[in-house]
Amino acid sequence: MSRALFQALALLSFATTCLPVNAVDGKRLRLMGGLGASSLTGPGGSGLGSGPSLGVSYALNERFGVGTNFTQTFAFSNSFTPFFSRFEIQLTMALTGQLTGTTSSLSVDSQPMFQALAPMSEGLRLRLKGNQYFFTGATTVYPYAGFGLEICYEWGAGNRTGYEVTLGVDRVSNTQNTILPVNASFVLIFWP
């Protein structure tokens, strides 16, 4: 081994064991895309559907975050026709783990030498949602609004990606009817 390489490895070994490593609050923005299924129960009967979702969330700190999500669900019956669209505003609380990514940096003489993004923290999340549903009728669209509660578990798949499974229930109504959608989804999370 050359002398210069040996000195560089010795310096790196010393630096990683003796020099302080600073944990810096890092990634807060997350992009999400997934596939979900919904079961609805209302005064007119029940229905099943599935479809894609897209969302974005921002961690306010390690425990709390806000976000938005759009889902388009298609009915299993009637040749997979549009069933409903859902727009959500979300408040997320980390029951375990943390919502932010952490960037660790090694500094020498106050100058950052190395920087690494720690893998996503896994954990249990509780999500409160404000929902706007648009149900597709034969000739018109029926709006319903309300609130929901969702429990999520997320885990990392690498430094910038992760997964989330969710199970939630919403209570939405219009002036005449109340509907209770139950939703489950599998989501891919990406930190840009």
N, C-alpha and C. Protein backbone atom coordinates (compact mmCIF):
# COMPACT_ATOMS: atom_id res chain seq x y z
N MET A 1 0.86 -1.17 0.00
CA MET A 1 0.00 0.00 0.00
C MET A 1 0.91 1.22 0.00
N SER A 2 0.57 2.20 -0.82
CA SER A 2 1.42 3.39 -0.90
C SER A 2 1.33 4.18 0.39
N ARG A 3 2.36 4.97 0.66
CA ARG A 3 2.43 5.75 1.89
C ARG A 3 1.31 6.78 1.96
N ALA A 4 0.98 7.45 0.86
CA ALA A 4 -0.06 8.47 0.84
C ALA A 4 -1.43 7.86 1.13
N LEU A 5 -1.70 6.69 0.55
CA LEU A 5 -2.97 6.02 0.81
C LEU A 5 -3.06 5.59 2.26
N PHE A 6 -1.95 5.06 2.81
CA PHE A 6 -1.94 4.67 4.21
C PHE A 6 -2.19 5.87 5.13
N GLN A 7 -1.58 7.02 4.82
CA GLN A 7 -1.78 8.22 5.64
C GLN A 7 -3.23 8.71 5.55
N ALA A 8 -3.81 8.64 4.36
CA ALA A 8 -5.21 9.08 4.19
C ALA A 8 -6.15 8.17 4.97
N LEU A 9 -5.93 6.86 4.92
CA LEU A 9 -6.77 5.94 5.67
C LEU A 9 -6.59 6.12 7.18
N ALA A 10 -5.36 6.35 7.61
CA ALA A 10 -5.12 6.58 9.04
C ALA A 10 -5.81 7.86 9.51
N LEU A 11 -5.74 8.92 8.69
CA LEU A 11 -6.40 10.18 9.04
C LEU A 11 -7.92 10.00 9.08
N LEU A 12 -8.48 9.29 8.12
CA LEU A 12 -9.92 9.03 8.10
C LEU A 12 -10.35 8.20 9.31
N SER A 13 -9.54 7.19 9.68
CA SER A 13 -9.85 6.39 10.85
C SER A 13 -9.81 7.23 12.11
N PHE A 14 -8.81 8.09 12.24
CA PHE A 14 -8.72 8.98 13.40
C PHE A 14 -9.90 9.94 13.42
N ALA A 15 -10.24 10.50 12.25
CA ALA A 15 -11.32 11.48 12.19
C ALA A 15 -12.67 10.87 12.57
N THR A 16 -12.91 9.64 12.14
CA THR A 16 -14.21 9.04 12.44
C THR A 16 -14.33 8.59 13.88
N THR A 17 -13.19 8.39 14.56
CA THR A 17 -13.27 7.97 15.96
C THR A 17 -13.06 9.10 16.95
N CYS A 18 -12.38 10.18 16.56
CA CYS A 18 -12.03 11.23 17.52
C CYS A 18 -12.68 12.57 17.26
N LEU A 19 -13.08 12.84 16.06
CA LEU A 19 -13.65 14.15 15.75
C LEU A 19 -15.16 14.12 15.90
N PRO A 20 -15.75 15.24 16.29
CA PRO A 20 -17.21 15.26 16.47
C PRO A 20 -17.94 15.14 15.13
N VAL A 21 -19.02 14.40 15.17
CA VAL A 21 -19.89 14.28 14.01
C VAL A 21 -21.15 15.08 14.33
N ASN A 22 -21.47 16.02 13.49
CA ASN A 22 -22.63 16.87 13.71
C ASN A 22 -23.84 16.31 12.99
N ALA A 23 -24.93 16.14 13.72
CA ALA A 23 -26.20 15.73 13.10
C ALA A 23 -26.97 17.00 12.77
N VAL A 24 -27.25 17.19 11.52
CA VAL A 24 -27.92 18.39 11.06
C VAL A 24 -29.32 17.99 10.60
N ASP A 25 -30.32 18.77 11.00
CA ASP A 25 -31.68 18.50 10.54
C ASP A 25 -31.67 18.57 9.02
N GLY A 26 -32.08 17.51 8.37
CA GLY A 26 -31.93 17.43 6.94
C GLY A 26 -33.22 17.46 6.17
N LYS A 27 -33.53 16.35 5.56
CA LYS A 27 -34.63 16.26 4.62
C LYS A 27 -35.98 16.40 5.29
N ARG A 28 -36.78 17.35 4.84
CA ARG A 28 -38.11 17.58 5.37
C ARG A 28 -39.20 17.32 4.33
N LEU A 29 -38.91 17.55 3.07
CA LEU A 29 -39.89 17.40 1.99
C LEU A 29 -39.89 15.96 1.50
N ARG A 30 -41.10 15.40 1.33
CA ARG A 30 -41.23 14.04 0.82
C ARG A 30 -42.28 14.01 -0.27
N LEU A 31 -41.99 13.27 -1.33
CA LEU A 31 -42.93 13.03 -2.41
C LEU A 31 -43.41 11.59 -2.29
N MET A 32 -44.71 11.38 -2.54
CA MET A 32 -45.28 10.05 -2.32
C MET A 32 -46.17 9.64 -3.49
N GLY A 33 -46.13 8.39 -3.83
CA GLY A 33 -47.01 7.83 -4.84
C GLY A 33 -47.37 6.42 -4.43
N GLY A 34 -48.63 6.06 -4.62
CA GLY A 34 -49.02 4.74 -4.15
C GLY A 34 -50.24 4.18 -4.85
N LEU A 35 -50.68 3.07 -4.33
CA LEU A 35 -51.87 2.38 -4.82
C LEU A 35 -52.70 2.00 -3.61
N GLY A 36 -54.00 2.29 -3.69
CA GLY A 36 -54.86 2.02 -2.55
C GLY A 36 -56.17 1.37 -2.96
N ALA A 37 -56.87 0.90 -1.94
CA ALA A 37 -58.20 0.31 -2.13
C ALA A 37 -59.15 0.96 -1.13
N SER A 38 -60.41 1.08 -1.52
CA SER A 38 -61.42 1.72 -0.68
C SER A 38 -62.69 0.88 -0.65
N SER A 39 -63.32 0.87 0.51
CA SER A 39 -64.62 0.25 0.69
C SER A 39 -65.54 1.31 1.27
N LEU A 40 -66.70 1.51 0.63
CA LEU A 40 -67.63 2.55 1.05
C LEU A 40 -68.92 1.94 1.56
N THR A 41 -69.45 2.58 2.61
CA THR A 41 -70.75 2.20 3.12
C THR A 41 -71.56 3.48 3.30
N GLY A 42 -72.75 3.49 2.73
CA GLY A 42 -73.63 4.65 2.84
C GLY A 42 -75.08 4.24 2.76
N PRO A 43 -75.98 5.22 2.72
CA PRO A 43 -77.40 4.90 2.69
C PRO A 43 -77.85 4.17 1.42
N GLY A 44 -77.10 4.33 0.32
CA GLY A 44 -77.49 3.69 -0.92
C GLY A 44 -76.87 2.33 -1.12
N GLY A 45 -76.07 1.85 -0.16
CA GLY A 45 -75.42 0.56 -0.31
C GLY A 45 -73.94 0.68 -0.05
N SER A 46 -73.17 -0.17 -0.71
CA SER A 46 -71.73 -0.16 -0.52
C SER A 46 -71.03 -0.33 -1.85
N GLY A 47 -69.72 -0.08 -1.86
CA GLY A 47 -68.95 -0.22 -3.08
C GLY A 47 -67.48 -0.42 -2.79
N LEU A 48 -66.76 -0.99 -3.76
CA LEU A 48 -65.33 -1.23 -3.66
C LEU A 48 -64.63 -0.59 -4.83
N GLY A 49 -63.41 -0.09 -4.57
CA GLY A 49 -62.64 0.50 -5.65
C GLY A 49 -61.16 0.52 -5.33
N SER A 50 -60.36 0.85 -6.34
CA SER A 50 -58.91 0.91 -6.18
C SER A 50 -58.37 1.95 -7.14
N GLY A 51 -57.21 2.52 -6.79
CA GLY A 51 -56.61 3.48 -7.69
C GLY A 51 -55.34 4.09 -7.15
N PRO A 52 -54.68 4.91 -7.98
CA PRO A 52 -53.41 5.52 -7.61
C PRO A 52 -53.59 6.79 -6.77
N SER A 53 -52.52 7.15 -6.08
CA SER A 53 -52.50 8.40 -5.31
C SER A 53 -51.14 9.07 -5.46
N LEU A 54 -51.15 10.39 -5.36
CA LEU A 54 -49.94 11.21 -5.38
C LEU A 54 -50.03 12.19 -4.23
N GLY A 55 -48.91 12.42 -3.55
CA GLY A 55 -48.94 13.35 -2.43
C GLY A 55 -47.59 13.98 -2.17
N VAL A 56 -47.61 14.97 -1.31
CA VAL A 56 -46.40 15.64 -0.86
C VAL A 56 -46.58 15.97 0.62
N SER A 57 -45.51 15.85 1.39
CA SER A 57 -45.59 16.21 2.80
C SER A 57 -44.33 16.97 3.19
N TYR A 58 -44.48 17.75 4.25
CA TYR A 58 -43.38 18.56 4.76
C TYR A 58 -43.33 18.39 6.27
N ALA A 59 -42.18 17.96 6.79
CA ALA A 59 -42.01 17.78 8.24
C ALA A 59 -41.74 19.13 8.88
N LEU A 60 -42.60 19.55 9.79
CA LEU A 60 -42.40 20.79 10.52
C LEU A 60 -41.27 20.64 11.53
N ASN A 61 -41.17 19.47 12.12
CA ASN A 61 -40.08 19.09 13.03
C ASN A 61 -40.02 17.57 13.04
N GLU A 62 -39.36 16.98 14.02
CA GLU A 62 -39.21 15.52 14.04
C GLU A 62 -40.51 14.78 14.30
N ARG A 63 -41.47 15.45 14.94
CA ARG A 63 -42.72 14.75 15.33
C ARG A 63 -43.92 15.11 14.49
N PHE A 64 -43.99 16.31 13.93
CA PHE A 64 -45.19 16.77 13.24
C PHE A 64 -44.90 17.17 11.81
N GLY A 65 -45.87 16.90 10.94
CA GLY A 65 -45.75 17.28 9.54
C GLY A 65 -47.11 17.60 8.96
N VAL A 66 -47.10 18.30 7.83
CA VAL A 66 -48.32 18.62 7.09
C VAL A 66 -48.15 18.09 5.68
N GLY A 67 -49.29 17.85 5.02
CA GLY A 67 -49.20 17.33 3.67
C GLY A 67 -50.52 17.41 2.94
N THR A 68 -50.46 17.02 1.70
CA THR A 68 -51.65 16.95 0.87
C THR A 68 -51.54 15.71 -0.01
N ASN A 69 -52.69 15.19 -0.41
CA ASN A 69 -52.72 13.96 -1.19
C ASN A 69 -53.91 13.99 -2.14
N PHE A 70 -53.73 13.45 -3.33
CA PHE A 70 -54.82 13.31 -4.30
C PHE A 70 -54.92 11.85 -4.70
N THR A 71 -56.14 11.30 -4.67
CA THR A 71 -56.39 9.91 -5.02
C THR A 71 -57.50 9.83 -6.06
N GLN A 72 -57.31 9.02 -7.08
CA GLN A 72 -58.35 8.73 -8.07
C GLN A 72 -58.69 7.26 -7.95
N THR A 73 -59.92 6.95 -7.58
CA THR A 73 -60.34 5.56 -7.36
C THR A 73 -61.31 5.13 -8.45
N PHE A 74 -61.12 3.90 -8.91
CA PHE A 74 -61.97 3.32 -9.95
C PHE A 74 -62.77 2.18 -9.34
N ALA A 75 -64.02 2.05 -9.75
CA ALA A 75 -64.90 1.00 -9.23
C ALA A 75 -64.50 -0.35 -9.79
N PHE A 76 -64.59 -1.39 -8.97
CA PHE A 76 -64.30 -2.75 -9.42
C PHE A 76 -65.37 -3.25 -10.38
N SER A 77 -66.59 -2.79 -10.18
CA SER A 77 -67.67 -3.19 -11.09
C SER A 77 -67.74 -2.19 -12.25
N ASN A 78 -68.59 -2.43 -13.20
CA ASN A 78 -68.80 -1.52 -14.34
C ASN A 78 -67.53 -1.24 -15.13
N SER A 79 -66.76 -2.25 -15.42
CA SER A 79 -65.58 -2.15 -16.28
C SER A 79 -64.55 -1.15 -15.77
N PHE A 80 -64.36 -1.09 -14.45
CA PHE A 80 -63.33 -0.26 -13.86
C PHE A 80 -63.49 1.22 -14.21
N THR A 81 -64.70 1.74 -14.08
CA THR A 81 -65.00 3.14 -14.37
C THR A 81 -64.63 4.03 -13.18
N PRO A 82 -64.43 5.33 -13.40
CA PRO A 82 -64.12 6.24 -12.28
C PRO A 82 -65.20 6.18 -11.20
N PHE A 83 -64.77 6.06 -9.95
CA PHE A 83 -65.67 5.92 -8.81
C PHE A 83 -65.71 7.23 -8.01
N PHE A 84 -64.53 7.69 -7.58
CA PHE A 84 -64.46 8.97 -6.90
C PHE A 84 -63.03 9.51 -6.94
N SER A 85 -62.93 10.81 -6.73
CA SER A 85 -61.65 11.49 -6.55
C SER A 85 -61.64 12.03 -5.13
N ARG A 86 -60.47 12.01 -4.50
CA ARG A 86 -60.36 12.50 -3.12
C ARG A 86 -59.16 13.43 -3.00
N PHE A 87 -59.39 14.57 -2.40
CA PHE A 87 -58.32 15.51 -2.09
C PHE A 87 -58.24 15.62 -0.57
N GLU A 88 -57.02 15.49 -0.02
CA GLU A 88 -56.84 15.51 1.43
C GLU A 88 -55.83 16.57 1.85
N ILE A 89 -56.07 17.16 3.00
CA ILE A 89 -55.08 17.96 3.70
C ILE A 89 -54.80 17.19 4.99
N GLN A 90 -53.51 16.98 5.30
CA GLN A 90 -53.15 16.06 6.36
C GLN A 90 -52.27 16.71 7.43
N LEU A 91 -52.46 16.30 8.67
CA LEU A 91 -51.57 16.61 9.78
C LEU A 91 -51.07 15.28 10.31
N THR A 92 -49.76 15.06 10.27
CA THR A 92 -49.17 13.79 10.64
C THR A 92 -48.37 13.94 11.94
N MET A 93 -48.52 12.96 12.82
CA MET A 93 -47.74 12.92 14.06
C MET A 93 -46.98 11.60 14.12
N ALA A 94 -45.68 11.68 14.38
CA ALA A 94 -44.86 10.48 14.53
C ALA A 94 -45.06 9.93 15.94
N LEU A 95 -45.68 8.76 16.05
CA LEU A 95 -45.83 8.11 17.35
C LEU A 95 -44.53 7.44 17.78
N THR A 96 -43.80 6.89 16.82
CA THR A 96 -42.46 6.36 17.04
C THR A 96 -41.59 6.82 15.88
N GLY A 97 -40.29 6.85 16.07
CA GLY A 97 -39.38 7.32 15.02
C GLY A 97 -39.51 8.82 14.83
N GLN A 98 -39.03 9.29 13.69
CA GLN A 98 -39.11 10.72 13.39
C GLN A 98 -39.45 10.93 11.92
N LEU A 99 -40.00 12.10 11.61
CA LEU A 99 -40.43 12.41 10.25
C LEU A 99 -39.32 12.99 9.39
N THR A 100 -38.31 13.60 10.01
CA THR A 100 -37.24 14.24 9.24
C THR A 100 -36.13 13.26 8.95
N GLY A 101 -35.46 13.49 7.84
CA GLY A 101 -34.23 12.76 7.56
C GLY A 101 -33.10 13.48 8.27
N THR A 102 -32.01 12.80 8.54
CA THR A 102 -30.90 13.42 9.23
C THR A 102 -29.67 13.36 8.36
N THR A 103 -29.03 14.51 8.20
CA THR A 103 -27.77 14.58 7.48
C THR A 103 -26.66 14.68 8.50
N SER A 104 -25.71 13.76 8.47
CA SER A 104 -24.56 13.80 9.36
C SER A 104 -23.38 14.36 8.60
N SER A 105 -22.62 15.24 9.26
CA SER A 105 -21.45 15.80 8.61
C SER A 105 -20.26 15.72 9.55
N LEU A 106 -19.09 15.47 9.00
CA LEU A 106 -17.84 15.44 9.73
C LEU A 106 -17.10 16.72 9.40
N SER A 107 -16.77 17.49 10.43
CA SER A 107 -16.12 18.78 10.22
C SER A 107 -14.71 18.77 10.79
N VAL A 108 -13.80 19.40 10.08
CA VAL A 108 -12.43 19.62 10.54
C VAL A 108 -12.17 21.11 10.43
N ASP A 109 -11.82 21.73 11.55
CA ASP A 109 -11.61 23.18 11.60
C ASP A 109 -12.84 23.93 11.09
N SER A 110 -14.00 23.49 11.52
CA SER A 110 -15.29 24.09 11.16
C SER A 110 -15.62 24.02 9.68
N GLN A 111 -14.92 23.21 8.96
CA GLN A 111 -15.18 23.02 7.53
C GLN A 111 -15.73 21.61 7.34
N PRO A 112 -16.91 21.47 6.72
CA PRO A 112 -17.45 20.12 6.50
C PRO A 112 -16.57 19.33 5.53
N MET A 113 -16.19 18.13 5.96
CA MET A 113 -15.34 17.27 5.13
C MET A 113 -16.14 16.18 4.43
N PHE A 114 -17.06 15.55 5.18
CA PHE A 114 -17.88 14.47 4.65
C PHE A 114 -19.32 14.72 5.07
N GLN A 115 -20.25 14.29 4.26
CA GLN A 115 -21.65 14.45 4.59
C GLN A 115 -22.40 13.20 4.12
N ALA A 116 -23.34 12.72 4.96
CA ALA A 116 -24.11 11.53 4.60
C ALA A 116 -25.54 11.69 5.08
N LEU A 117 -26.47 11.21 4.29
CA LEU A 117 -27.88 11.20 4.66
C LEU A 117 -28.19 9.87 5.31
N ALA A 118 -28.67 9.92 6.56
CA ALA A 118 -29.01 8.70 7.29
C ALA A 118 -30.27 8.09 6.68
N PRO A 119 -30.41 6.78 6.76
CA PRO A 119 -31.63 6.15 6.24
C PRO A 119 -32.87 6.67 6.96
N MET A 120 -33.98 6.60 6.27
CA MET A 120 -35.25 7.06 6.81
C MET A 120 -35.60 6.32 8.10
N SER A 121 -36.12 7.06 9.05
CA SER A 121 -36.52 6.48 10.34
C SER A 121 -37.84 5.73 10.18
N GLU A 122 -37.86 4.49 10.62
CA GLU A 122 -39.12 3.74 10.55
C GLU A 122 -39.95 4.07 11.77
N GLY A 123 -41.26 3.91 11.61
CA GLY A 123 -42.10 4.17 12.76
C GLY A 123 -43.57 4.20 12.45
N LEU A 124 -44.32 4.34 13.53
CA LEU A 124 -45.78 4.38 13.48
C LEU A 124 -46.22 5.84 13.44
N ARG A 125 -47.18 6.15 12.56
CA ARG A 125 -47.66 7.52 12.38
C ARG A 125 -49.17 7.56 12.55
N LEU A 126 -49.66 8.68 13.08
CA LEU A 126 -51.08 8.95 13.17
C LEU A 126 -51.37 10.17 12.32
N ARG A 127 -52.38 10.08 11.47
CA ARG A 127 -52.67 11.15 10.52
C ARG A 127 -54.12 11.59 10.66
N LEU A 128 -54.33 12.89 10.90
CA LEU A 128 -55.66 13.50 10.88
C LEU A 128 -55.83 14.15 9.52
N LYS A 129 -57.02 13.97 8.90
CA LYS A 129 -57.20 14.42 7.52
C LYS A 129 -58.49 15.24 7.39
N GLY A 130 -58.41 16.25 6.58
CA GLY A 130 -59.59 16.93 6.08
C GLY A 130 -59.79 16.46 4.65
N ASN A 131 -60.97 15.96 4.30
CA ASN A 131 -61.20 15.31 3.01
C ASN A 131 -62.25 16.04 2.18
N GLN A 132 -62.02 16.04 0.89
CA GLN A 132 -63.03 16.47 -0.08
C GLN A 132 -63.15 15.35 -1.11
N TYR A 133 -64.29 14.68 -1.13
CA TYR A 133 -64.57 13.61 -2.08
C TYR A 133 -65.44 14.15 -3.21
N PHE A 134 -65.21 13.63 -4.40
CA PHE A 134 -66.07 13.91 -5.56
C PHE A 134 -66.47 12.56 -6.16
N PHE A 135 -67.70 12.14 -5.89
CA PHE A 135 -68.19 10.87 -6.40
C PHE A 135 -68.74 11.07 -7.80
N THR A 136 -68.39 10.14 -8.70
CA THR A 136 -68.80 10.22 -10.09
C THR A 136 -70.14 9.52 -10.28
N GLY A 137 -71.15 10.30 -10.66
CA GLY A 137 -72.47 9.74 -10.95
C GLY A 137 -72.62 9.52 -12.45
N ALA A 138 -73.78 9.08 -12.87
CA ALA A 138 -74.03 8.82 -14.28
C ALA A 138 -73.97 10.11 -15.10
N THR A 139 -74.48 11.21 -14.55
CA THR A 139 -74.51 12.46 -15.30
C THR A 139 -73.96 13.65 -14.53
N THR A 140 -73.59 13.45 -13.27
CA THR A 140 -73.11 14.56 -12.46
C THR A 140 -72.09 14.07 -11.44
N VAL A 141 -71.44 15.01 -10.77
CA VAL A 141 -70.47 14.72 -9.73
C VAL A 141 -71.05 15.16 -8.39
N TYR A 142 -70.93 14.31 -7.36
CA TYR A 142 -71.50 14.60 -6.05
C TYR A 142 -70.39 14.90 -5.05
N PRO A 143 -70.30 16.11 -4.53
CA PRO A 143 -69.25 16.44 -3.56
C PRO A 143 -69.64 16.05 -2.14
N TYR A 144 -68.69 15.52 -1.40
CA TYR A 144 -68.83 15.18 0.02
C TYR A 144 -67.59 15.71 0.73
N ALA A 145 -67.74 16.22 1.93
CA ALA A 145 -66.61 16.73 2.70
C ALA A 145 -66.67 16.18 4.11
N GLY A 146 -65.50 16.10 4.76
CA GLY A 146 -65.46 15.61 6.13
C GLY A 146 -64.05 15.43 6.63
N PHE A 147 -63.92 14.57 7.64
CA PHE A 147 -62.65 14.34 8.30
C PHE A 147 -62.33 12.87 8.32
N GLY A 148 -61.05 12.55 8.57
CA GLY A 148 -60.65 11.16 8.65
C GLY A 148 -59.50 10.97 9.60
N LEU A 149 -59.26 9.71 9.92
CA LEU A 149 -58.17 9.31 10.80
C LEU A 149 -57.46 8.13 10.13
N GLU A 150 -56.14 8.17 10.14
CA GLU A 150 -55.37 7.14 9.46
C GLU A 150 -54.19 6.74 10.34
N ILE A 151 -53.89 5.46 10.38
CA ILE A 151 -52.71 4.96 11.07
C ILE A 151 -51.77 4.43 9.99
N CYS A 152 -50.48 4.75 10.09
CA CYS A 152 -49.51 4.40 9.06
C CYS A 152 -48.28 3.78 9.71
N TYR A 153 -47.63 2.92 8.97
CA TYR A 153 -46.32 2.42 9.35
C TYR A 153 -45.40 2.64 8.16
N GLU A 154 -44.27 3.28 8.40
CA GLU A 154 -43.32 3.51 7.31
C GLU A 154 -41.93 3.03 7.70
N TRP A 155 -41.18 2.63 6.68
CA TRP A 155 -39.82 2.14 6.88
C TRP A 155 -38.99 2.51 5.67
N GLY A 156 -37.69 2.62 5.87
CA GLY A 156 -36.79 3.02 4.80
C GLY A 156 -36.34 1.86 3.94
N ALA A 157 -36.09 2.19 2.69
CA ALA A 157 -35.55 1.21 1.76
C ALA A 157 -34.16 1.63 1.30
N GLY A 158 -33.74 2.82 1.69
CA GLY A 158 -32.45 3.37 1.32
C GLY A 158 -32.35 4.77 1.87
N ASN A 159 -31.35 5.49 1.42
CA ASN A 159 -31.16 6.85 1.93
C ASN A 159 -32.22 7.83 1.47
N ARG A 160 -32.82 7.61 0.33
CA ARG A 160 -33.79 8.56 -0.21
C ARG A 160 -35.17 7.98 -0.48
N THR A 161 -35.36 6.71 -0.20
CA THR A 161 -36.65 6.08 -0.47
C THR A 161 -37.16 5.32 0.76
N GLY A 162 -38.44 5.12 0.78
CA GLY A 162 -39.06 4.36 1.85
C GLY A 162 -40.43 3.89 1.42
N TYR A 163 -41.08 3.15 2.30
CA TYR A 163 -42.41 2.62 2.04
C TYR A 163 -43.34 2.96 3.20
N GLU A 164 -44.62 2.98 2.91
CA GLU A 164 -45.62 3.23 3.93
C GLU A 164 -46.85 2.38 3.64
N VAL A 165 -47.41 1.77 4.67
CA VAL A 165 -48.70 1.10 4.57
C VAL A 165 -49.65 1.86 5.48
N THR A 166 -50.88 2.06 5.01
CA THR A 166 -51.84 2.86 5.75
C THR A 166 -53.17 2.14 5.85
N LEU A 167 -53.90 2.46 6.90
CA LEU A 167 -55.27 2.00 7.08
C LEU A 167 -56.01 3.14 7.75
N GLY A 168 -57.12 3.57 7.15
CA GLY A 168 -57.84 4.71 7.69
C GLY A 168 -59.33 4.65 7.42
N VAL A 169 -60.05 5.51 8.13
CA VAL A 169 -61.49 5.63 7.94
C VAL A 169 -61.81 7.12 7.86
N ASP A 170 -62.75 7.46 6.98
CA ASP A 170 -63.20 8.84 6.81
C ASP A 170 -64.70 8.90 7.12
N ARG A 171 -65.14 10.06 7.51
CA ARG A 171 -66.58 10.32 7.67
C ARG A 171 -66.86 11.56 6.85
N VAL A 172 -67.53 11.38 5.71
CA VAL A 172 -67.82 12.49 4.81
C VAL A 172 -69.32 12.57 4.57
N SER A 173 -69.80 13.77 4.35
CA SER A 173 -71.23 13.94 4.14
C SER A 173 -71.49 15.12 3.22
N ASN A 174 -72.70 15.15 2.70
CA ASN A 174 -73.22 16.33 2.02
C ASN A 174 -74.47 16.74 2.79
N THR A 175 -75.33 17.51 2.23
CA THR A 175 -76.50 17.97 2.98
C THR A 175 -77.51 16.85 3.26
N GLN A 176 -77.41 15.72 2.53
CA GLN A 176 -78.40 14.66 2.68
C GLN A 176 -77.87 13.34 3.24
N ASN A 177 -76.64 12.98 2.93
CA ASN A 177 -76.13 11.65 3.26
C ASN A 177 -74.76 11.71 3.93
N THR A 178 -74.46 10.65 4.68
CA THR A 178 -73.15 10.46 5.28
C THR A 178 -72.60 9.13 4.79
N ILE A 179 -71.31 9.14 4.42
CA ILE A 179 -70.65 7.94 3.91
C ILE A 179 -69.40 7.69 4.75
N LEU A 180 -69.09 6.43 4.99
CA LEU A 180 -67.92 6.05 5.78
C LEU A 180 -66.94 5.23 4.92
N PRO A 181 -66.05 5.89 4.17
CA PRO A 181 -65.05 5.15 3.40
C PRO A 181 -63.94 4.60 4.30
N VAL A 182 -63.57 3.35 4.07
CA VAL A 182 -62.42 2.73 4.72
C VAL A 182 -61.36 2.55 3.63
N ASN A 183 -60.15 3.06 3.89
CA ASN A 183 -59.10 3.09 2.88
C ASN A 183 -57.84 2.38 3.38
N ALA A 184 -57.20 1.66 2.48
CA ALA A 184 -55.91 1.03 2.75
C ALA A 184 -55.01 1.31 1.56
N SER A 185 -53.71 1.53 1.81
CA SER A 185 -52.82 1.82 0.68
C SER A 185 -51.40 1.38 0.96
N PHE A 186 -50.66 1.23 -0.12
CA PHE A 186 -49.22 0.98 -0.10
C PHE A 186 -48.56 2.13 -0.86
N VAL A 187 -47.61 2.80 -0.22
CA VAL A 187 -47.06 4.05 -0.76
C VAL A 187 -45.55 3.97 -0.85
N LEU A 188 -44.99 4.50 -1.94
CA LEU A 188 -43.54 4.68 -2.10
C LEU A 188 -43.23 6.12 -1.74
N ILE A 189 -42.25 6.31 -0.86
CA ILE A 189 -41.86 7.64 -0.41
C ILE A 189 -40.48 7.97 -0.99
N PHE A 190 -40.32 9.20 -1.46
CA PHE A 190 -39.05 9.65 -2.02
C PHE A 190 -38.68 10.99 -1.42
N TRP A 191 -37.47 11.12 -0.93
CA TRP A 191 -36.94 12.40 -0.45
C TRP A 191 -36.10 13.01 -1.56
N PRO A 192 -36.53 14.14 -2.15
CA PRO A 192 -35.74 14.75 -3.23
C PRO A 192 -34.43 15.34 -2.72
